[in-house]
C-alpha atoms as a PDB file:
ATOM      1  CA  MET A   1     105.449  61.649  43.464  1.00  0.00           C
ATOM      2  CA  GLU A   2     103.500  60.916  46.672  1.00  0.00           C
ATOM      3  CA  ASN A   3     106.683  61.530  48.667  1.00  0.00           C
ATOM      4  CA  LYS A   4     107.075  65.059  47.171  1.00  0.00           C
ATOM      5  CA  LYS A   5     103.471  65.991  48.038  1.00  0.00           C
ATOM      6  CA  ASN A   6     103.933  64.712  51.578  1.00  0.00           C
ATOM      7  CA  LEU A   7     107.183  66.655  51.911  1.00  0.00           C
ATOM      8  CA  ARG A   8     105.491  69.880  50.754  1.00  0.00           C
ATOM      9  CA  LYS A   9     102.626  69.392  53.224  1.00  0.00           C
ATOM     10  CA  ASN A  10     105.098  68.803  56.053  1.00  0.00           C
ATOM     11  CA  ASP A  11     107.132  71.852  55.037  1.00  0.00           C
ATOM     12  CA  LEU A  12     104.030  74.032  55.008  1.00  0.00           C
ATOM     13  CA  LEU A  13     102.921  72.657  58.364  1.00  0.00           C
ATOM     14  CA  LEU A  14     106.326  73.384  59.890  1.00  0.00           C
ATOM     15  CA  LEU A  15     106.331  76.891  58.436  1.00  0.00           C
ATOM     16  CA  LEU A  16     102.832  77.526  59.793  1.00  0.00           C
ATOM     17  CA  ILE A  17     103.846  76.356  63.276  1.00  0.00           C
ATOM     18  CA  VAL A  18     106.936  78.598  63.268  1.00  0.00           C
ATOM     19  CA  VAL A  19     104.885  81.631  62.168  1.00  0.00           C
ATOM     20  CA  VAL A  20     102.191  81.022  64.812  1.00  0.00           C
ATOM     21  CA  VAL A  21     104.761  80.630  67.599  1.00  0.00           C
ATOM     22  CA  ALA A  22     106.620  83.777  66.513  1.00  0.00           C
ATOM     23  CA  ALA A  23     103.378  85.766  66.353  1.00  0.00           C
ATOM     24  CA  ALA A  24     102.377  84.535  69.822  1.00  0.00           C
ATOM     25  CA  ILE A  25     105.735  85.599  71.295  1.00  0.00           C
ATOM     26  CA  CYS A  26     105.489  89.058  69.692  1.00  0.00           C
ATOM     27  CA  ALA A  27     101.907  89.486  70.918  1.00  0.00           C
ATOM     28  CA  LEU A  28     102.839  88.519  74.483  1.00  0.00           C
ATOM     29  CA  ARG A  29     105.762  90.953  74.533  1.00  0.00           C
ATOM     30  CA  PHE A  30     103.543  93.724  73.188  1.00  0.00           C
ATOM     31  CA  TRP A  31     100.653  93.166  75.624  1.00  0.00           C
ATOM     32  CA  LEU A  32     102.633  92.310  78.710  1.00  0.00           C
ATOM     33  CA  GLY A  33     105.577  94.631  78.134  1.00  0.00           C
ATOM     34  CA  ASP A  34     108.027  95.537  80.864  1.00  0.00           C
ATOM     35  CA  LYS A  35     106.776  95.418  84.439  1.00  0.00           C
ATOM     36  CA  HIS A  36     108.773  98.541  85.299  1.00  0.00           C
ATOM     37  CA  PRO A  37     107.637 101.600  83.336  1.00  0.00           C
ATOM     38  CA  GLY A  38     111.224 102.684  82.709  1.00  0.00           C
ATOM     39  CA  TYR A  39     112.881 106.077  82.639  1.00  0.00           C
ATOM     40  CA  VAL A  40     112.860 109.243  80.605  1.00  0.00           C
ATOM     41  CA  THR A  41     116.310 110.474  79.670  1.00  0.00           C
ATOM     42  CA  VAL A  42     116.748 114.220  79.127  1.00  0.00           C
ATOM     43  CA  ARG A  43     119.343 115.435  76.618  1.00  0.00           C
ATOM     44  CA  ILE A  44     120.183 119.101  76.239  1.00  0.00           C
ATOM     45  CA  ASP A  45     122.556 120.118  73.457  1.00  0.00           C
ATOM     46  CA  GLY A  46     123.247 116.400  72.850  1.00  0.00           C
ATOM     47  CA  GLU A  47     124.414 115.663  76.401  1.00  0.00           C
ATOM     48  CA  VAL A  48     122.479 113.520  78.876  1.00  0.00           C
ATOM     49  CA  VAL A  49     121.720 115.799  81.818  1.00  0.00           C
ATOM     50  CA  ALA A  50     119.160 113.779  83.803  1.00  0.00           C
ATOM     51  CA  SER A  51     117.058 110.653  83.960  1.00  0.00           C
ATOM     52  CA  TYR A  52     113.701 110.408  85.742  1.00  0.00           C
ATOM     53  CA  ASP A  53     111.733 107.367  86.870  1.00  0.00           C
ATOM     54  CA  LEU A  54     108.365 107.099  85.096  1.00  0.00           C
ATOM     55  CA  SER A  55     106.749 105.563  88.166  1.00  0.00           C
ATOM     56  CA  GLU A  56     107.034 108.886  90.056  1.00  0.00           C
ATOM     57  CA  ASN A  57     104.505 111.542  89.000  1.00  0.00           C
ATOM     58  CA  GLN A  58     106.183 114.957  88.836  1.00  0.00           C
ATOM     59  CA  GLU A  59     106.718 118.128  86.834  1.00  0.00           C
ATOM     60  CA  VAL A  60     110.282 119.103  85.990  1.00  0.00           C
ATOM     61  CA  GLU A  61     111.612 122.389  84.611  1.00  0.00           C
ATOM     62  CA  LEU A  62     114.277 121.887  81.963  1.00  0.00           C
ATOM     63  CA  ASN A  63     117.016 124.058  80.504  1.00  0.00           C
ATOM     64  CA  GLY A  64     116.717 126.823  83.077  1.00  0.00           C
ATOM     65  CA  GLY A  65     112.929 126.917  82.825  1.00  0.00           C
ATOM     66  CA  THR A  66     112.549 127.153  79.035  1.00  0.00           C
ATOM     67  CA  ASN A  67     110.585 123.884  79.025  1.00  0.00           C
ATOM     68  CA  THR A  68     108.567 121.884  81.533  1.00  0.00           C
ATOM     69  CA  MET A  69     107.809 118.171  81.252  1.00  0.00           C
ATOM     70  CA  ARG A  70     105.159 116.260  83.175  1.00  0.00           C
ATOM     71  CA  ILE A  71     105.588 112.632  84.202  1.00  0.00           C
ATOM     72  CA  GLU A  72     102.211 111.139  85.002  1.00  0.00           C
ATOM     73  CA  ASP A  73     100.996 107.524  85.146  1.00  0.00           C
ATOM     74  CA  GLY A  74     104.059 106.192  83.323  1.00  0.00           C
ATOM     75  CA  THR A  75     103.902 108.739  80.484  1.00  0.00           C
ATOM     76  CA  VAL A  76     105.849 111.899  79.670  1.00  0.00           C
ATOM     77  CA  LYS A  77     104.480 115.038  78.045  1.00  0.00           C
ATOM     78  CA  MET A  78     106.008 118.444  77.372  1.00  0.00           C
ATOM     79  CA  ILE A  79     103.559 120.880  78.968  1.00  0.00           C
ATOM     80  CA  GLN A  80     105.392 124.209  78.611  1.00  0.00           C
ATOM     81  CA  ALA A  81     107.902 125.596  76.144  1.00  0.00           C
ATOM     82  CA  ASP A  82     109.009 129.118  75.275  1.00  0.00           C
ATOM     83  CA  CYS A  83     109.794 128.300  71.637  1.00  0.00           C
ATOM     84  CA  PRO A  84     107.675 130.063  68.959  1.00  0.00           C
ATOM     85  CA  ASP A  85     105.996 127.044  67.332  1.00  0.00           C
ATOM     86  CA  LYS A  86     105.468 124.899  70.477  1.00  0.00           C
ATOM     87  CA  LEU A  87     105.541 121.697  68.392  1.00  0.00           C
ATOM     88  CA  CYS A  88     107.010 119.748  71.304  1.00  0.00           C
ATOM     89  CA  MET A  89     103.894 120.552  73.336  1.00  0.00           C
ATOM     90  CA  LYS A  90     101.667 119.296  70.523  1.00  0.00           C
ATOM     91  CA  GLN A  91     103.340 115.861  70.449  1.00  0.00           C
ATOM     92  CA  LYS A  92     101.464 113.060  72.186  1.00  0.00           C
ATOM     93  CA  ALA A  93     102.566 111.748  75.562  1.00  0.00           C
ATOM     94  CA  ILE A  94     105.219 109.036  75.268  1.00  0.00           C
ATOM     95  CA  SER A  95     105.560 105.850  77.283  1.00  0.00           C
ATOM     96  CA  LYS A  96     107.113 103.123  75.136  1.00  0.00           C
ATOM     97  CA  ASN A  97     110.779 102.286  74.834  1.00  0.00           C
ATOM     98  CA  ARG A  98     112.713 104.559  72.432  1.00  0.00           C
ATOM     99  CA  GLU A  99     109.846 107.006  71.858  1.00  0.00           C
ATOM    100  CA  ASN A 100     110.927 110.625  72.103  1.00  0.00           C
ATOM    101  CA  ILE A 101     109.803 114.237  72.223  1.00  0.00           C
ATOM    102  CA  ILE A 102     112.080 116.796  70.591  1.00  0.00           C
ATOM    103  CA  CYS A 103     112.190 120.566  71.075  1.00  0.00           C
ATOM    104  CA  LEU A 104     114.501 121.775  68.310  1.00  0.00           C
ATOM    105  CA  PRO A 105     114.676 125.492  69.200  1.00  0.00           C
ATOM    106  CA  ASN A 106     115.790 124.661  72.765  1.00  0.00           C
ATOM    107  CA  ASN A 107     117.846 121.558  71.786  1.00  0.00           C
ATOM    108  CA  ILE A 108     115.987 119.266  74.213  1.00  0.00           C
ATOM    109  CA  VAL A 109     115.283 115.579  73.592  1.00  0.00           C
ATOM    110  CA  LEU A 110     113.193 113.428  75.949  1.00  0.00           C
ATOM    111  CA  GLN A 111     113.581 109.700  75.288  1.00  0.00           C
ATOM    112  CA  ILE A 112     112.017 106.703  77.000  1.00  0.00           C
ATOM    113  CA  ALA A 113     114.384 103.899  78.004  1.00  0.00           C
ATOM    114  CA  ASN A 114     113.611 100.702  79.861  1.00  0.00           C
ATOM    115  CA  GLN A 115     115.593  99.881  82.982  1.00  0.00           C
ATOM    116  CA  ASP A 116     118.293  97.950  81.092  1.00  0.00           C
ATOM    117  CA  GLU A 117     118.926 100.742  78.552  1.00  0.00           C
ATOM    118  CA  SER A 118     119.089 103.765  80.830  1.00  0.00           C
ATOM    119  CA  GLU A 119     122.356 105.594  80.115  1.00  0.00           C
ATOM    120  CA  LEU A 120     122.781 106.837  83.679  1.00  0.00           C
ATOM    121  CA  ASP A 121     123.647 104.855  86.774  1.00  0.00           C
ATOM    122  CA  ALA A 122     121.364 106.872  89.041  1.00  0.00           C
ATOM    123  CA  VAL A 123     118.046 108.661  88.834  1.00  0.00           C
ATOM    124  CA  THR A 124     118.024 112.368  89.660  1.00  0.00           C
ATOM    125  CA  ASN A 125     115.142 114.116  91.353  1.00  0.00           C
END
């Protein structure tokens, strides 16, 4: 009987240690993140047309001037759109991996990718 109680205590202790270590690893990844801010990939009509480095502040006209995005301090925001509802402009600035801004009327998707996941081999300016 004593052996079963001891085994349960050891099992719980092991489980607690595993949970604490896993939580610490997740917290470190969240707070430290990637050193490089990554890239924003621009898709128009489902095709990747450009990728921009988030470390370079700039404004870029998209889709022949229908939309304009601003890259500033490692974030991306849609600042101009000619669509009627302008929902893409109302979305918050994005900066984390796999976040995106979508303009449905103009078929534009902006998506953040870290350096390893960028779909293009080069960055366009």
